[in-house]
Amino acid sequence: MTPEPRVYAEPVRVILERSLGKASHLQRGDAVEVLAERAGISTRTVYRILEGGREWLELDQADRLLIAAGEHLTEEMVESLDLSE
């Protein structure tokens, strides 16, 4: 079984921060809550991702967060898998 690709966490974190900055009509906590709800992810998990320090995110989680922020995954964000093994 081929493992699911991983997504680099830092570009996702930067996009989420930019998205939260655009939601200027909301307090940060409210904006995080809205983002988490749209992504179907807990608010606590979103805060952990925003704190940084993670190298990778699961593909599904990163995709849902980016879509909730109005963005999409790019090829550069996803780890290349060596399928030759």
Protein backbone atom coordinates (compact mmCIF):
# COMPACT_ATOMS: atom_id res chain seq x y z
CA MET A 1 0.00 0.00 0.00
CA THR A 2 1.36 3.40 -0.99
CA PRO A 3 1.55 5.88 1.89
CA GLU A 4 -0.42 9.09 1.57
CA PRO A 5 1.76 12.07 0.67
CA ARG A 6 2.52 14.55 3.41
CA VAL A 7 2.28 18.31 3.13
CA TYR A 8 4.89 20.75 4.36
CA ALA A 9 3.33 22.55 7.32
CA GLU A 10 5.02 25.96 7.08
CA PRO A 11 3.51 27.11 3.76
CA VAL A 12 0.08 26.06 5.01
CA ARG A 13 0.63 27.97 8.27
CA VAL A 14 1.65 31.11 6.35
CA ILE A 15 -1.46 30.92 4.15
CA LEU A 16 -3.69 30.44 7.19
CA GLU A 17 -2.12 33.44 8.93
CA ARG A 18 -2.66 35.56 5.82
CA SER A 19 -6.27 34.39 5.61
CA LEU A 20 -6.88 35.20 9.27
CA GLY A 21 -5.42 38.67 8.73
CA LYS A 22 -7.96 39.33 5.98
CA ALA A 23 -10.81 38.57 8.38
CA SER A 24 -10.30 41.94 10.05
CA HIS A 25 -13.97 42.27 10.96
CA LEU A 26 -13.57 39.31 13.33
CA GLN A 27 -11.49 38.94 16.45
CA ARG A 28 -8.67 36.44 15.89
CA GLY A 29 -10.32 33.80 18.05
CA ASP A 30 -13.57 34.12 16.14
CA ALA A 31 -11.72 33.94 12.80
CA VAL A 32 -9.89 30.77 13.90
CA GLU A 33 -13.20 29.27 15.00
CA VAL A 34 -14.81 30.02 11.62
CA LEU A 35 -11.82 28.57 9.75
CA ALA A 36 -11.85 25.43 11.90
CA GLU A 37 -15.59 24.96 11.40
CA ARG A 38 -15.30 25.35 7.62
CA ALA A 39 -12.45 22.82 7.56
CA GLY A 40 -14.15 20.35 9.88
CA ILE A 41 -11.15 20.46 12.21
CA SER A 42 -11.05 21.34 15.88
CA THR A 43 -10.14 24.88 16.86
CA ARG A 44 -7.43 23.47 19.10
CA THR A 45 -5.80 21.70 16.13
CA VAL A 46 -5.87 24.91 14.08
CA TYR A 47 -4.15 26.78 16.93
CA ARG A 48 -1.48 24.06 17.14
CA ILE A 49 -0.78 24.37 13.43
CA LEU A 50 -0.62 28.17 13.71
CA GLU A 51 1.92 27.88 16.55
CA GLY A 52 4.36 26.32 14.09
CA GLY A 53 6.92 23.70 14.96
CA ARG A 54 5.30 20.99 12.85
CA GLU A 55 7.19 19.81 9.82
CA TRP A 56 4.33 17.92 8.19
CA LEU A 57 0.54 17.84 7.97
CA GLU A 58 -1.65 15.04 6.70
CA LEU A 59 -2.75 15.62 3.11
CA ASP A 60 -6.48 15.61 3.91
CA GLN A 61 -6.08 17.98 6.86
CA ALA A 62 -3.95 20.46 4.90
CA ASP A 63 -6.32 20.34 1.94
CA ARG A 64 -9.39 21.02 4.10
CA LEU A 65 -7.68 23.91 5.88
CA LEU A 66 -6.52 25.53 2.66
CA ILE A 67 -9.92 25.20 1.02
CA ALA A 68 -11.49 26.78 4.13
CA ALA A 69 -9.02 29.65 3.71
CA GLY A 70 -9.90 30.03 0.02
CA GLU A 71 -6.65 28.52 -1.25
CA HIS A 72 -5.49 25.22 -2.74
CA LEU A 73 -2.58 22.86 -2.36
CA THR A 74 0.25 23.31 -4.78
CA GLU A 75 2.67 20.69 -5.98
CA GLU A 76 5.50 22.39 -4.09
CA MET A 77 3.70 21.90 -0.77
CA VAL A 78 3.39 18.13 -1.12
CA GLU A 79 6.27 15.81 -0.33
CA SER A 80 7.47 13.87 -3.35
CA LEU A 81 7.11 10.15 -2.85
CA ASP A 82 9.71 7.78 -4.22
CA LEU A 83 7.57 5.07 -5.75
CA SER A 84 10.51 3.18 -7.26
CA GLU A 85 10.97 0.98 -4.19
